[in-house]
Amino acid sequence: MQISLEELQKVARAYRAQQKGTAPLEPVPAPFVACEETDQQLAREVAQLLTQTPDVREARMEEATKEPLPAKIIAASIMRRVIADKMSQ
């Protein structure tokens, strides 16, 4: 599975935009907005992690469920997990 650097940057921007949409329950500092260079670095790191991930998830999912999931849903789940893991480090 290959994902372009541009697509990963779109995911990072969409993630940040989604985070701004919810009202905080208590006062919090303004969110940190990374510069474009940081976005590119994050996208490269995520792309590198994705290239190292074995491409066998679809087969596993088909075994686990009676109805196979579309590859797009599986890919989106993998990307969300990788990005969440990277941001929690």
N, C-alpha and C. Protein backbone atom coordinates (compact mmCIF):
# COMPACT_ATOMS: atom_id res chain seq x y z
N MET A 1 0.86 -1.17 0.00
CA MET A 1 0.00 0.00 0.00
C MET A 1 0.90 1.23 0.00
N GLN A 2 0.65 2.16 -0.90
CA GLN A 2 1.43 3.39 -0.95
C GLN A 2 0.49 4.58 -0.80
N ILE A 3 0.92 5.53 0.03
CA ILE A 3 0.15 6.74 0.26
C ILE A 3 1.10 7.92 0.02
N SER A 4 0.64 8.88 -0.74
CA SER A 4 1.51 9.99 -1.09
C SER A 4 1.72 10.91 0.11
N LEU A 5 2.79 11.65 0.05
CA LEU A 5 3.11 12.62 1.09
C LEU A 5 2.00 13.66 1.20
N GLU A 6 1.42 14.05 0.08
CA GLU A 6 0.33 15.02 0.08
C GLU A 6 -0.88 14.49 0.84
N GLU A 7 -1.21 13.22 0.64
CA GLU A 7 -2.36 12.63 1.34
C GLU A 7 -2.11 12.61 2.85
N LEU A 8 -0.89 12.30 3.26
CA LEU A 8 -0.59 12.30 4.69
C LEU A 8 -0.67 13.71 5.28
N GLN A 9 -0.25 14.71 4.51
CA GLN A 9 -0.36 16.08 4.97
C GLN A 9 -1.82 16.48 5.11
N LYS A 10 -2.67 16.03 4.19
CA LYS A 10 -4.10 16.31 4.28
C LYS A 10 -4.68 15.70 5.55
N VAL A 11 -4.24 14.49 5.89
CA VAL A 11 -4.72 13.82 7.10
C VAL A 11 -4.31 14.63 8.33
N ALA A 12 -3.07 15.10 8.37
CA ALA A 12 -2.60 15.89 9.51
C ALA A 12 -3.40 17.18 9.64
N ARG A 13 -3.66 17.86 8.52
CA ARG A 13 -4.45 19.09 8.58
C ARG A 13 -5.89 18.82 9.00
N ALA A 14 -6.47 17.75 8.48
CA ALA A 14 -7.85 17.41 8.84
C ALA A 14 -7.95 17.04 10.31
N TYR A 15 -6.94 16.37 10.82
CA TYR A 15 -6.93 16.00 12.24
C TYR A 15 -6.91 17.26 13.10
N ARG A 16 -6.05 18.19 12.75
CA ARG A 16 -5.98 19.46 13.52
C ARG A 16 -7.29 20.23 13.43
N ALA A 17 -7.89 20.28 12.25
CA ALA A 17 -9.16 21.00 12.08
C ALA A 17 -10.26 20.35 12.90
N GLN A 18 -10.26 19.04 12.95
CA GLN A 18 -11.26 18.32 13.73
C GLN A 18 -11.09 18.60 15.23
N GLN A 19 -9.87 18.73 15.67
CA GLN A 19 -9.61 18.98 17.08
C GLN A 19 -10.09 20.37 17.51
N LYS A 20 -10.08 21.33 16.59
CA LYS A 20 -10.49 22.69 16.91
C LYS A 20 -12.02 22.82 17.02
N GLY A 21 -12.76 21.86 16.48
CA GLY A 21 -14.21 21.95 16.41
C GLY A 21 -14.94 21.70 17.72
N THR A 22 -14.31 21.08 18.70
CA THR A 22 -15.01 20.76 19.94
C THR A 22 -14.71 21.81 21.00
N ALA A 23 -15.73 22.16 21.78
CA ALA A 23 -15.55 23.15 22.84
C ALA A 23 -14.95 22.47 24.07
N PRO A 24 -13.90 23.02 24.66
CA PRO A 24 -13.29 22.42 25.84
C PRO A 24 -14.19 22.59 27.06
N LEU A 25 -14.11 21.65 27.98
CA LEU A 25 -14.88 21.71 29.21
C LEU A 25 -14.25 22.66 30.23
N GLU A 26 -12.99 22.93 30.09
CA GLU A 26 -12.29 23.85 30.97
C GLU A 26 -11.28 24.65 30.14
N PRO A 27 -10.80 25.76 30.66
CA PRO A 27 -9.85 26.56 29.88
C PRO A 27 -8.57 25.76 29.56
N VAL A 28 -8.17 25.83 28.33
CA VAL A 28 -6.94 25.16 27.90
C VAL A 28 -6.12 26.14 27.07
N PRO A 29 -4.81 25.95 27.02
CA PRO A 29 -3.99 26.84 26.19
C PRO A 29 -4.33 26.67 24.71
N ALA A 30 -4.03 27.67 23.94
CA ALA A 30 -4.29 27.61 22.49
C ALA A 30 -3.56 26.41 21.89
N PRO A 31 -4.17 25.72 20.91
CA PRO A 31 -3.52 24.55 20.33
C PRO A 31 -2.25 24.93 19.58
N PHE A 32 -1.30 24.05 19.64
CA PHE A 32 -0.05 24.25 18.92
C PHE A 32 -0.27 23.95 17.45
N VAL A 33 0.11 24.86 16.59
CA VAL A 33 0.00 24.64 15.14
C VAL A 33 1.42 24.53 14.61
N ALA A 34 1.72 23.36 14.08
CA ALA A 34 3.06 23.10 13.57
C ALA A 34 3.25 23.79 12.22
N CYS A 35 4.48 24.13 11.94
CA CYS A 35 4.79 24.74 10.65
C CYS A 35 4.74 23.67 9.56
N GLU A 36 4.73 24.12 8.33
CA GLU A 36 4.60 23.20 7.20
C GLU A 36 5.74 22.18 7.18
N GLU A 37 6.92 22.62 7.58
CA GLU A 37 8.07 21.71 7.60
C GLU A 37 7.84 20.56 8.60
N THR A 38 7.24 20.89 9.74
CA THR A 38 6.93 19.86 10.74
C THR A 38 5.88 18.91 10.19
N ASP A 39 4.87 19.44 9.49
CA ASP A 39 3.86 18.59 8.85
C ASP A 39 4.52 17.62 7.87
N GLN A 40 5.44 18.12 7.09
CA GLN A 40 6.12 17.27 6.11
C GLN A 40 6.94 16.19 6.81
N GLN A 41 7.60 16.56 7.90
CA GLN A 41 8.40 15.58 8.64
C GLN A 41 7.50 14.50 9.23
N LEU A 42 6.38 14.90 9.82
CA LEU A 42 5.42 13.93 10.36
C LEU A 42 4.90 13.02 9.25
N ALA A 43 4.58 13.60 8.11
CA ALA A 43 4.08 12.82 6.99
C ALA A 43 5.12 11.81 6.52
N ARG A 44 6.39 12.22 6.48
CA ARG A 44 7.46 11.29 6.07
C ARG A 44 7.59 10.13 7.07
N GLU A 45 7.53 10.47 8.36
CA GLU A 45 7.67 9.43 9.39
C GLU A 45 6.50 8.44 9.33
N VAL A 46 5.30 8.96 9.16
CA VAL A 46 4.13 8.08 9.07
C VAL A 46 4.23 7.23 7.81
N ALA A 47 4.66 7.83 6.70
CA ALA A 47 4.80 7.07 5.46
C ALA A 47 5.83 5.95 5.63
N GLN A 48 6.91 6.25 6.33
CA GLN A 48 7.93 5.23 6.57
C GLN A 48 7.37 4.10 7.42
N LEU A 49 6.60 4.45 8.46
CA LEU A 49 5.98 3.42 9.29
C LEU A 49 5.00 2.57 8.48
N LEU A 50 4.24 3.23 7.60
CA LEU A 50 3.27 2.50 6.78
C LEU A 50 3.95 1.55 5.80
N THR A 51 5.09 1.95 5.27
CA THR A 51 5.78 1.07 4.33
C THR A 51 6.35 -0.15 5.04
N GLN A 52 6.60 -0.04 6.34
CA GLN A 52 7.12 -1.17 7.11
C GLN A 52 6.01 -2.08 7.62
N THR A 53 4.75 -1.62 7.53
CA THR A 53 3.62 -2.40 8.01
C THR A 53 3.27 -3.47 6.98
N PRO A 54 3.19 -4.74 7.41
CA PRO A 54 2.83 -5.79 6.45
C PRO A 54 1.44 -5.55 5.86
N ASP A 55 1.28 -5.90 4.62
CA ASP A 55 0.02 -5.67 3.91
C ASP A 55 -0.85 -6.93 3.95
N VAL A 56 -1.20 -7.35 5.17
CA VAL A 56 -2.00 -8.56 5.33
C VAL A 56 -3.26 -8.29 6.13
N ARG A 57 -3.56 -7.06 6.43
CA ARG A 57 -4.70 -6.72 7.26
C ARG A 57 -6.03 -7.14 6.63
N GLU A 58 -6.17 -6.97 5.33
CA GLU A 58 -7.44 -7.30 4.69
C GLU A 58 -7.76 -8.78 4.86
N ALA A 59 -6.77 -9.64 4.70
CA ALA A 59 -7.00 -11.08 4.87
C ALA A 59 -7.41 -11.39 6.31
N ARG A 60 -6.77 -10.75 7.26
CA ARG A 60 -7.13 -10.96 8.66
C ARG A 60 -8.56 -10.51 8.93
N MET A 61 -8.93 -9.38 8.38
CA MET A 61 -10.28 -8.86 8.61
C MET A 61 -11.33 -9.78 7.97
N GLU A 62 -11.04 -10.32 6.81
CA GLU A 62 -11.98 -11.22 6.16
C GLU A 62 -12.17 -12.50 6.97
N GLU A 63 -11.10 -12.97 7.61
CA GLU A 63 -11.21 -14.14 8.46
C GLU A 63 -12.05 -13.85 9.69
N ALA A 64 -11.91 -12.64 10.23
CA ALA A 64 -12.58 -12.28 11.47
C ALA A 64 -14.05 -11.94 11.29
N THR A 65 -14.46 -11.54 10.10
CA THR A 65 -15.85 -11.16 9.87
C THR A 65 -16.46 -11.98 8.74
N LYS A 66 -17.76 -12.11 8.78
CA LYS A 66 -18.43 -12.85 7.70
C LYS A 66 -18.52 -12.02 6.45
N GLU A 67 -18.71 -10.71 6.62
CA GLU A 67 -18.77 -9.80 5.47
C GLU A 67 -17.45 -9.06 5.38
N PRO A 68 -16.73 -9.18 4.26
CA PRO A 68 -15.45 -8.49 4.14
C PRO A 68 -15.62 -6.97 4.17
N LEU A 69 -14.69 -6.31 4.84
CA LEU A 69 -14.70 -4.85 4.89
C LEU A 69 -14.01 -4.29 3.65
N PRO A 70 -14.45 -3.13 3.18
CA PRO A 70 -13.76 -2.50 2.04
C PRO A 70 -12.34 -2.11 2.42
N ALA A 71 -11.44 -2.20 1.47
CA ALA A 71 -10.04 -1.88 1.72
C ALA A 71 -9.86 -0.45 2.21
N LYS A 72 -10.71 0.49 1.75
CA LYS A 72 -10.59 1.89 2.18
C LYS A 72 -10.82 2.03 3.69
N ILE A 73 -11.77 1.29 4.23
CA ILE A 73 -12.05 1.35 5.66
C ILE A 73 -10.87 0.78 6.45
N ILE A 74 -10.31 -0.31 5.97
CA ILE A 74 -9.17 -0.92 6.63
C ILE A 74 -7.97 0.02 6.60
N ALA A 75 -7.70 0.62 5.43
CA ALA A 75 -6.58 1.55 5.30
C ALA A 75 -6.75 2.76 6.21
N ALA A 76 -7.96 3.29 6.28
CA ALA A 76 -8.22 4.44 7.14
C ALA A 76 -8.00 4.09 8.60
N SER A 77 -8.39 2.89 9.01
CA SER A 77 -8.19 2.45 10.39
C SER A 77 -6.71 2.33 10.71
N ILE A 78 -5.95 1.77 9.79
CA ILE A 78 -4.51 1.63 10.00
C ILE A 78 -3.86 2.99 10.12
N MET A 79 -4.23 3.93 9.23
CA MET A 79 -3.63 5.27 9.27
C MET A 79 -3.98 5.98 10.57
N ARG A 80 -5.25 5.88 11.01
CA ARG A 80 -5.63 6.52 12.27
C ARG A 80 -4.81 5.99 13.43
N ARG A 81 -4.60 4.68 13.46
CA ARG A 81 -3.85 4.06 14.54
C ARG A 81 -2.39 4.52 14.52
N VAL A 82 -1.77 4.54 13.33
CA VAL A 82 -0.37 4.96 13.21
C VAL A 82 -0.22 6.42 13.62
N ILE A 83 -1.12 7.28 13.16
CA ILE A 83 -1.05 8.70 13.51
C ILE A 83 -1.28 8.90 15.00
N ALA A 84 -2.25 8.19 15.56
CA ALA A 84 -2.51 8.31 17.01
C ALA A 84 -1.30 7.85 17.81
N ASP A 85 -0.68 6.75 17.40
CA ASP A 85 0.51 6.27 18.09
C ASP A 85 1.64 7.28 18.00
N LYS A 86 1.82 7.87 16.82
CA LYS A 86 2.89 8.83 16.61
C LYS A 86 2.66 10.10 17.45
N MET A 87 1.42 10.57 17.52
CA MET A 87 1.14 11.80 18.26
C MET A 87 1.18 11.59 19.77
N SER A 88 1.02 10.36 20.23
CA SER A 88 1.06 10.10 21.67
C SER A 88 2.48 9.90 22.18
N GLN A 89 3.46 9.85 21.27
CA GLN A 89 4.85 9.67 21.70
C GLN A 89 5.45 10.95 22.19
